[in-house]
């Protein structure tokens, strides 16, 4: 998330970082979060695909590592952007 988007959501980078880490940690363990993920995927994927993959949890393990990796990259980019602004 870019700094302007963080401001739009009224979040500091520290708050965003904490929430992101919490959500990525809970992705595999929280049934309510998993259900929300499945419902969100239903918006984009055919029903049969959802039933055969996401609905059975087959994608969860596959997706958790890339999601955590992307989250780390997003935080690093946001930190870099913030430190670049403060050093000018």
Protein backbone atom coordinates (compact mmCIF):
# COMPACT_ATOMS: atom_id res chain seq x y z
CA UNK A 1 0.00 0.00 0.00
CA UNK A 2 1.41 3.37 -0.94
CA UNK A 3 1.70 6.25 1.54
CA UNK A 4 -1.24 8.14 -0.04
CA UNK A 5 -3.40 5.01 0.30
CA UNK A 6 -2.33 4.66 3.94
CA UNK A 7 -3.45 8.25 4.53
CA UNK A 8 -6.75 7.54 2.72
CA UNK A 9 -7.35 4.68 5.14
CA UNK A 10 -6.22 6.82 8.09
CA UNK A 11 -3.47 4.36 9.00
CA UNK A 12 0.14 4.93 9.89
CA UNK A 13 2.76 2.64 8.42
CA UNK A 14 3.23 1.14 11.89
CA UNK A 15 -0.49 0.38 12.20
CA UNK A 16 -0.63 -1.05 8.68
CA UNK A 17 2.43 -3.19 9.34
CA UNK A 18 0.95 -4.62 12.54
CA UNK A 19 -2.41 -5.35 10.89
CA UNK A 20 -0.76 -6.94 7.87
CA UNK A 21 1.39 -9.21 10.00
CA UNK A 22 -1.60 -10.21 12.11
CA UNK A 23 -3.74 -11.01 9.09
CA UNK A 24 -1.06 -13.00 7.28
CA UNK A 25 -0.37 -14.99 10.46
CA UNK A 26 -4.09 -15.74 10.89
CA UNK A 27 -4.70 -16.68 7.26
CA UNK A 28 -4.20 -20.39 7.93
CA UNK A 29 -5.59 -20.57 11.45
CA UNK A 30 -8.74 -18.41 11.66
CA UNK A 31 -11.90 -20.05 10.24
CA UNK A 32 -13.74 -16.71 9.95
CA UNK A 33 -10.87 -15.16 8.00
CA UNK A 34 -10.72 -18.25 5.78
CA UNK A 35 -14.46 -17.99 5.10
CA UNK A 36 -14.04 -14.33 4.15
CA UNK A 37 -11.23 -15.32 1.79
CA UNK A 38 -13.40 -17.97 0.14
CA UNK A 39 -16.26 -15.50 -0.27
CA UNK A 40 -13.93 -12.94 -1.81
CA UNK A 41 -12.56 -15.52 -4.26
CA UNK A 42 -16.14 -16.35 -5.29
CA UNK A 43 -16.33 -12.88 -6.76
CA UNK A 44 -13.49 -13.65 -9.18
CA UNK A 45 -13.44 -17.38 -9.82
CA UNK A 46 -16.00 -19.76 -11.33
CA UNK A 47 -18.07 -21.60 -8.69
CA UNK A 48 -16.63 -24.99 -9.64
CA UNK A 49 -13.07 -23.73 -9.30
CA UNK A 50 -13.86 -22.32 -5.85
CA UNK A 51 -15.46 -25.60 -4.72
CA UNK A 52 -12.56 -27.70 -5.99
CA UNK A 53 -9.71 -25.53 -4.72
CA UNK A 54 -10.29 -22.67 -2.33
CA UNK A 55 -13.37 -24.29 -0.79
CA UNK A 56 -11.39 -27.40 0.07
CA UNK A 57 -8.43 -25.46 1.40
CA UNK A 58 -6.14 -26.61 -1.39
CA UNK A 59 -5.07 -23.08 -2.26
CA UNK A 60 -4.63 -21.92 1.30
CA UNK A 61 -1.23 -23.53 1.86
CA UNK A 62 -0.11 -22.64 -1.66
CA UNK A 63 -1.12 -19.00 -1.29
CA UNK A 64 0.01 -18.32 2.26
CA UNK A 65 3.73 -18.19 1.41
CA UNK A 66 3.36 -15.81 -1.58
CA UNK A 67 0.98 -13.62 0.41
CA UNK A 68 3.48 -13.36 3.25
CA UNK A 69 6.28 -12.67 0.77
CA UNK A 70 4.27 -9.94 -0.97
CA UNK A 71 3.35 -8.45 2.39
CA UNK A 72 7.02 -8.25 3.34
CA UNK A 73 7.88 -6.59 0.05
CA UNK A 74 5.04 -4.08 0.46
CA UNK A 75 6.24 -3.15 3.93
CA UNK A 76 9.83 -2.83 2.75
CA UNK A 77 8.75 -0.57 -0.13
CA UNK A 78 6.65 1.57 2.19
CA UNK A 79 9.55 1.87 4.65
CA UNK A 80 11.89 2.80 1.80
CA UNK A 81 9.43 5.40 0.54
CA UNK A 82 9.03 6.87 4.01
CA UNK A 83 12.77 6.98 4.70
CA UNK A 84 13.39 8.54 1.29
CA UNK A 85 10.95 11.35 2.05
CA UNK A 86 12.42 12.08 5.47
CA UNK A 87 16.01 12.22 4.25
CA UNK A 88 15.34 14.90 1.61
